[in-house]
Amino acid sequence: MNTNFRTAAIAGTLAAALGYGANSNAGKSPPPPPEPYNPQILYTSGTQGGRTTTLYVANADGTDAVALYSTGNLIGQFKFAPANRIVFIEQNTLKVLSYAVSSQGVTTTNVGTLTAQQPRNTLRLDVSPDGTELLFTEDTATANITAVWLVSMSGGTPQMLSLLPGTYFDAVWANSNSRIAVLQLGPVVGGSHSQTIQVIDLDAYYNIVNTTTVFDSTVSQLNEIQRIESAHTSDTLIFGAASGSNAEIFTVDFTTIATPILSAPIVAGSSASFSADDSTILFVGPTTPILYEFNLNTQKQTLVNTPRLFAQPDFLP
């Protein structure tokens, strides 16, 4: 027998027995680093009695929820904005929060003020697709008259859009930096305010170029719309409305502006917003304030793991 081979074999056996053998992980790749957090949804949750309201971001399924901001004041509407920012209304003041995302979590890096506290109720807001302008609605000194304003995301003096006097309940950018959509309340018809959705084209100075009505509740018999949101890849708006005694979600496609197309009911619920690719909607359930997602391609509805909601949720655009 080859004594050198025998001696090596005995030495290897002794080394293994004594724990001196080669590392069993030698040659294996190290485990991959943890995936970065991926905040996709935004919502608020309030403590019992409403003493504190907290802004949360979470993964699309509700996991990895992180509190980014808490206040003893009431937080009004809030929205994601491009470049890891969130805009929200606190005590009639428009604020912007910046956050950073890493494998360690999501952290708030800054909270700034865009406008001083307004003397009247600031109601709704939305950020332009390019992230430069903030659209918001606000009560005026005249009863039942609401104004629509613009202010730079860098701050400055707000500019009021020259709309006809009316009650503009909501206003959003309509898949363009030069087009908005507004939800306007009209006279009471059949016990509910009539409502229209108008698409408005703006020039480079935000003067109104053209206004087209793409939805009329007196025609569709849908009422009680509380919120409108825009798709990100098409000329489509989404909203929840009352159809008889049912709260359901609809879309209106205004690709051909002269002949907008109202969809059939998509799912029961309200307060919907689109995912970035418009494949999924985030919405509040029809009977209790529980958050769901609905995939428009697979027609699959999923419960999102979040606490009870305090206000309207938002999907990352």
Protein backbone atom coordinates (compact mmCIF):
# COMPACT_ATOMS: atom_id res chain seq x y z
CA MET A 1 0.00 0.00 0.00
CA ASN A 2 1.16 3.52 -0.65
CA THR A 3 2.14 4.75 2.83
CA ASN A 4 1.97 8.40 1.86
CA PHE A 5 -1.70 8.02 0.83
CA ARG A 6 -2.48 6.06 4.01
CA THR A 7 -0.81 8.67 6.20
CA ALA A 8 -2.75 11.47 4.49
CA ALA A 9 -6.03 9.60 4.89
CA ILE A 10 -5.42 9.00 8.61
CA ALA A 11 -4.47 12.66 9.11
CA GLY A 12 -7.63 13.78 7.31
CA THR A 13 -9.78 11.52 9.48
CA LEU A 14 -8.19 12.80 12.69
CA ALA A 15 -8.52 16.40 11.58
CA ALA A 16 -12.21 15.98 10.81
CA ALA A 17 -12.79 14.30 14.15
CA LEU A 18 -11.03 17.10 15.99
CA GLY A 19 -12.84 19.80 14.04
CA TYR A 20 -9.84 20.87 12.08
CA GLY A 21 -11.21 19.83 8.71
CA ALA A 22 -12.00 22.15 5.89
CA ASN A 23 -14.99 24.46 6.39
CA SER A 24 -18.10 22.72 4.97
CA ASN A 25 -19.18 26.09 3.56
CA ALA A 26 -15.95 26.58 1.68
CA GLY A 27 -16.58 27.38 -1.93
CA LYS A 28 -20.20 28.32 -1.33
CA SER A 29 -21.44 31.79 -2.17
CA PRO A 30 -22.31 34.01 0.82
CA PRO A 31 -26.02 34.57 1.42
CA PRO A 32 -27.43 37.45 -0.63
CA PRO A 33 -27.94 40.76 1.16
CA PRO A 34 -31.47 41.47 2.36
CA GLU A 35 -33.80 42.96 -0.20
CA PRO A 36 -34.40 46.70 0.16
CA TYR A 37 -37.74 47.72 1.55
CA ASN A 38 -40.23 48.41 -1.21
CA PRO A 39 -42.89 50.86 0.00
CA GLN A 40 -45.85 50.77 -2.38
CA ILE A 41 -48.85 51.86 -0.30
CA LEU A 42 -49.48 54.83 1.95
CA TYR A 43 -52.13 55.16 4.64
CA THR A 44 -52.80 56.71 8.04
CA SER A 45 -53.84 55.12 11.28
CA GLY A 46 -55.18 56.91 14.35
CA THR A 47 -54.95 56.00 18.01
CA GLN A 48 -58.08 55.38 20.02
CA GLY A 49 -59.79 58.70 20.59
CA GLY A 50 -57.95 60.26 17.66
CA ARG A 51 -55.23 61.87 19.76
CA THR A 52 -52.45 60.87 17.36
CA THR A 53 -52.43 60.28 13.61
CA THR A 54 -49.53 58.43 11.97
CA LEU A 55 -48.48 58.19 8.32
CA TYR A 56 -47.38 54.69 7.30
CA VAL A 57 -45.79 53.22 4.19
CA ALA A 58 -45.76 49.47 3.52
CA ASN A 59 -45.12 46.86 0.87
CA ALA A 60 -47.97 46.22 -1.55
CA ASP A 61 -49.24 43.35 0.61
CA GLY A 62 -49.14 45.45 3.78
CA THR A 63 -45.98 43.90 5.21
CA ASP A 64 -42.95 45.87 6.44
CA ALA A 65 -45.15 48.78 7.54
CA VAL A 66 -43.08 51.73 8.75
CA ALA A 67 -44.33 54.81 10.58
CA LEU A 68 -42.85 57.94 9.00
CA TYR A 69 -44.66 60.77 10.78
CA SER A 70 -46.93 61.18 13.79
CA THR A 71 -48.82 64.25 14.94
CA GLY A 72 -51.45 65.28 17.41
CA ASN A 73 -53.14 67.27 14.64
CA LEU A 74 -55.60 65.98 12.09
CA ILE A 75 -53.96 64.87 8.81
CA GLY A 76 -56.11 65.53 5.77
CA GLN A 77 -55.51 63.97 2.39
CA PHE A 78 -52.06 62.62 1.56
CA LYS A 79 -50.37 61.36 -1.60
CA PHE A 80 -47.11 59.86 -2.80
CA ALA A 81 -44.99 62.20 -4.92
CA PRO A 82 -42.05 61.39 -7.23
CA ALA A 83 -38.52 61.15 -5.79
CA ASN A 84 -39.43 59.45 -2.48
CA ARG A 85 -41.73 62.19 -1.23
CA ILE A 86 -45.15 62.38 0.38
CA VAL A 87 -47.42 65.42 0.43
CA PHE A 88 -50.11 65.87 3.03
CA ILE A 89 -52.40 68.39 4.67
CA GLU A 90 -51.94 69.13 8.37
CA GLN A 91 -53.98 71.87 10.03
CA ASN A 92 -54.71 73.44 6.60
CA THR A 93 -50.97 73.56 5.91
CA LEU A 94 -49.45 71.81 2.88
CA LYS A 95 -46.41 69.77 3.86
CA VAL A 96 -43.93 67.53 2.07
CA LEU A 97 -42.08 64.63 3.67
CA SER A 98 -38.95 63.10 2.15
CA TYR A 99 -37.89 59.54 2.93
CA ALA A 100 -35.01 57.19 2.19
CA VAL A 101 -35.28 53.46 1.42
CA SER A 102 -32.61 50.83 2.14
CA SER A 103 -32.29 47.19 3.18
CA GLN A 104 -32.50 48.41 6.76
CA GLY A 105 -35.87 50.07 6.36
CA VAL A 106 -37.57 53.32 5.43
CA THR A 107 -36.64 56.49 7.28
CA THR A 108 -37.90 60.06 7.21
CA THR A 109 -35.17 62.46 6.12
CA ASN A 110 -37.08 65.76 6.17
CA VAL A 111 -40.51 67.31 6.70
CA GLY A 112 -41.02 70.75 5.15
CA THR A 113 -43.83 73.26 4.69
CA LEU A 114 -44.96 74.32 1.21
CA THR A 115 -47.55 76.88 2.31
CA ALA A 116 -48.34 78.69 5.51
CA GLN A 117 -51.48 77.63 7.36
CA GLN A 118 -54.44 78.63 5.22
CA PRO A 119 -57.35 80.59 6.75
CA ARG A 120 -59.91 78.15 5.30
CA ASN A 121 -60.22 74.41 4.85
CA THR A 122 -57.70 72.87 2.48
CA LEU A 123 -59.45 69.78 1.13
CA ARG A 124 -57.64 67.75 -1.53
CA LEU A 125 -54.21 67.62 -3.19
CA ASP A 126 -52.31 65.88 -5.99
CA VAL A 127 -48.77 66.11 -7.41
CA SER A 128 -48.07 66.47 -11.14
CA PRO A 129 -46.52 63.43 -12.87
CA ASP A 130 -43.17 65.20 -13.19
CA GLY A 131 -43.22 66.06 -9.48
CA THR A 132 -42.91 69.84 -9.93
CA GLU A 133 -46.41 71.19 -9.16
CA LEU A 134 -48.97 70.59 -6.43
CA LEU A 135 -52.67 70.91 -7.18
CA PHE A 136 -55.04 71.52 -4.26
CA THR A 137 -58.60 72.59 -3.48
CA GLU A 138 -59.68 74.99 -0.77
CA ASP A 139 -62.84 76.59 0.56
CA THR A 140 -63.38 80.29 -0.14
CA ALA A 141 -65.12 83.06 1.74
CA THR A 142 -68.26 82.35 -0.30
CA ALA A 143 -70.40 79.45 0.89
CA ASN A 144 -70.34 76.38 -1.37
CA ILE A 145 -67.61 77.84 -3.57
CA THR A 146 -64.30 75.99 -3.70
CA ALA A 147 -61.16 77.18 -5.49
CA VAL A 148 -58.53 75.07 -7.24
CA TRP A 149 -54.94 76.18 -6.75
CA LEU A 150 -51.42 75.37 -7.95
CA VAL A 151 -48.18 75.80 -6.03
CA SER A 152 -44.64 74.76 -6.90
CA MET A 153 -43.25 71.77 -5.02
CA SER A 154 -40.33 74.07 -4.28
CA GLY A 155 -42.67 76.43 -2.44
CA GLY A 156 -43.83 79.92 -3.35
CA THR A 157 -47.10 81.75 -3.84
CA PRO A 158 -50.09 79.60 -4.88
CA GLN A 159 -51.84 80.45 -8.16
CA MET A 160 -55.62 80.08 -8.39
CA LEU A 161 -56.99 78.52 -11.58
CA SER A 162 -59.63 80.62 -13.34
CA LEU A 163 -62.46 78.09 -13.16
CA LEU A 164 -66.09 79.12 -13.15
CA PRO A 165 -67.33 79.51 -9.55
CA GLY A 166 -68.48 76.19 -8.15
CA THR A 167 -67.91 73.46 -5.58
CA TYR A 168 -64.86 71.53 -6.76
CA PHE A 169 -64.77 68.59 -4.42
CA ASP A 170 -61.61 67.02 -5.84
CA ALA A 171 -58.91 67.81 -8.42
CA VAL A 172 -56.16 65.58 -9.85
CA TRP A 173 -53.60 65.61 -12.63
CA ALA A 174 -54.99 63.56 -15.52
CA ASN A 175 -52.02 61.54 -16.80
CA SER A 176 -50.31 64.73 -17.97
CA ASN A 177 -48.46 67.79 -16.69
CA SER A 178 -50.85 69.97 -18.71
CA ARG A 179 -54.22 68.35 -18.00
CA ILE A 180 -56.27 68.05 -14.83
CA ALA A 181 -59.61 66.55 -13.88
CA VAL A 182 -62.02 68.07 -11.36
CA LEU A 183 -65.02 66.65 -9.54
CA GLN A 184 -67.74 69.30 -9.28
CA LEU A 185 -70.90 69.19 -7.21
CA GLY A 186 -74.11 70.48 -8.78
CA PRO A 187 -77.74 70.94 -7.72
CA VAL A 188 -79.49 68.34 -5.58
CA VAL A 189 -81.29 65.80 -7.79
CA GLY A 190 -83.27 62.96 -6.26
CA GLY A 191 -81.91 63.58 -2.78
CA SER A 192 -78.21 63.71 -3.76
CA HIS A 193 -75.98 66.37 -5.25
CA SER A 194 -75.52 65.90 -8.96
CA GLN A 195 -71.87 65.54 -9.92
CA THR A 196 -69.76 66.04 -13.01
CA ILE A 197 -66.16 65.18 -13.80
CA GLN A 198 -64.47 67.64 -16.13
CA VAL A 199 -61.15 67.24 -17.91
CA ILE A 200 -59.33 70.56 -18.29
CA ASP A 201 -56.40 71.32 -20.62
CA LEU A 202 -53.89 73.93 -19.46
CA ASP A 203 -51.26 75.94 -21.32
CA ALA A 204 -47.66 76.41 -20.19
CA TYR A 205 -48.77 79.16 -17.79
CA TYR A 206 -51.65 77.06 -16.40
CA ASN A 207 -54.31 79.09 -18.12
CA ILE A 208 -57.39 77.07 -19.04
CA VAL A 209 -57.48 76.14 -22.73
CA ASN A 210 -60.38 73.72 -22.90
CA THR A 211 -62.91 72.05 -20.57
CA THR A 212 -64.79 68.82 -21.39
CA THR A 213 -67.32 67.01 -19.22
CA VAL A 214 -66.53 63.28 -19.26
CA PHE A 215 -68.99 62.14 -16.57
CA ASP A 216 -72.45 63.35 -15.51
CA SER A 217 -74.28 61.69 -12.61
CA THR A 218 -77.68 62.68 -14.00
CA VAL A 219 -76.92 60.54 -17.06
CA SER A 220 -75.18 57.59 -15.37
CA GLN A 221 -77.33 57.55 -12.21
CA LEU A 222 -74.15 57.13 -10.14
CA ASN A 223 -73.81 59.39 -7.10
CA GLU A 224 -71.84 60.07 -3.93
CA ILE A 225 -68.41 60.18 -5.57
CA GLN A 226 -65.89 61.17 -2.91
CA ARG A 227 -62.58 60.89 -4.76
CA ILE A 228 -61.19 60.68 -8.29
CA GLU A 229 -57.76 59.37 -9.29
CA SER A 230 -55.94 59.15 -12.61
CA ALA A 231 -54.27 56.20 -14.32
CA HIS A 232 -50.55 56.58 -15.08
CA THR A 233 -50.37 54.91 -18.50
CA SER A 234 -53.70 55.86 -20.11
CA ASP A 235 -56.34 58.57 -20.18
CA THR A 236 -58.50 56.94 -17.53
CA LEU A 237 -60.00 58.09 -14.24
CA ILE A 238 -61.14 55.82 -11.42
CA PHE A 239 -63.67 56.52 -8.67
CA GLY A 240 -66.05 54.91 -6.23
CA ALA A 241 -69.75 55.73 -6.57
CA ALA A 242 -73.10 54.70 -5.19
CA SER A 243 -75.17 52.62 -7.56
CA GLY A 244 -78.49 52.29 -5.76
CA SER A 245 -77.51 51.08 -2.28
CA ASN A 246 -74.19 49.61 -3.43
CA ALA A 247 -70.77 51.27 -3.26
CA GLU A 248 -68.83 50.20 -6.36
CA ILE A 249 -65.74 51.25 -8.28
CA PHE A 250 -65.85 52.46 -11.90
CA THR A 251 -63.52 53.92 -14.49
CA VAL A 252 -64.11 56.42 -17.26
CA ASP A 253 -61.86 56.26 -20.32
CA PHE A 254 -61.51 59.64 -22.07
CA THR A 255 -58.96 58.62 -24.72
CA THR A 256 -61.48 59.92 -27.22
CA ILE A 257 -62.45 63.01 -25.29
CA ALA A 258 -65.71 63.59 -27.17
CA THR A 259 -67.01 60.09 -26.39
CA PRO A 260 -65.78 59.00 -22.94
CA ILE A 261 -66.52 55.40 -21.95
CA LEU A 262 -67.88 54.57 -18.49
CA SER A 263 -67.00 51.05 -17.35
CA ALA A 264 -69.25 48.47 -15.75
CA PRO A 265 -68.76 48.07 -11.98
CA ILE A 266 -65.30 46.64 -11.28
CA VAL A 267 -65.52 45.66 -7.61
CA ALA A 268 -67.47 46.69 -4.52
CA GLY A 269 -65.68 49.42 -2.59
CA SER A 270 -64.57 53.05 -2.64
CA SER A 271 -61.55 55.38 -2.53
CA ALA A 272 -59.52 53.62 -5.23
CA SER A 273 -56.13 54.40 -6.72
CA PHE A 274 -54.02 52.75 -9.44
CA SER A 275 -50.65 51.01 -9.09
CA ALA A 276 -47.78 52.43 -11.15
CA ASP A 277 -48.48 50.13 -14.11
CA ASP A 278 -52.28 50.44 -13.73
CA SER A 279 -52.64 46.66 -13.37
CA THR A 280 -53.92 46.78 -9.79
CA ILE A 281 -56.14 49.06 -7.75
CA LEU A 282 -55.92 49.77 -4.04
CA PHE A 283 -59.28 50.49 -2.40
CA VAL A 284 -61.33 50.48 0.79
CA GLY A 285 -63.83 47.67 1.26
CA PRO A 286 -67.55 48.35 0.92
CA THR A 287 -68.69 47.71 4.50
CA THR A 288 -65.74 48.25 6.84
CA PRO A 289 -62.57 50.38 6.58
CA ILE A 290 -60.37 47.49 5.46
CA LEU A 291 -57.90 47.79 2.63
CA TYR A 292 -57.92 45.54 -0.45
CA GLU A 293 -56.14 45.22 -3.77
CA PHE A 294 -57.77 44.03 -6.99
CA ASN A 295 -55.75 42.85 -9.98
CA LEU A 296 -57.51 44.00 -13.13
CA ASN A 297 -55.82 41.32 -15.26
CA THR A 298 -56.47 38.27 -13.07
CA GLN A 299 -59.65 39.62 -11.41
CA LYS A 300 -58.18 38.51 -8.08
CA GLN A 301 -58.98 40.40 -4.87
CA THR A 302 -56.49 40.36 -1.98
CA LEU A 303 -56.85 41.57 1.61
CA VAL A 304 -54.02 43.92 2.59
CA ASN A 305 -52.60 43.42 6.06
CA THR A 306 -53.02 46.85 7.64
CA PRO A 307 -54.69 48.34 10.71
CA ARG A 308 -58.00 50.12 10.30
CA LEU A 309 -57.71 53.10 8.03
CA PHE A 310 -58.11 56.68 9.09
CA ALA A 311 -58.19 58.25 5.63
CA GLN A 312 -57.91 57.58 1.92
CA PRO A 313 -55.04 55.19 1.00
CA ASP A 314 -52.68 55.81 -1.90
CA PHE A 315 -50.73 53.55 -4.28
CA LEU A 316 -47.19 54.54 -5.29
CA PRO A 317 -47.44 56.02 -8.83
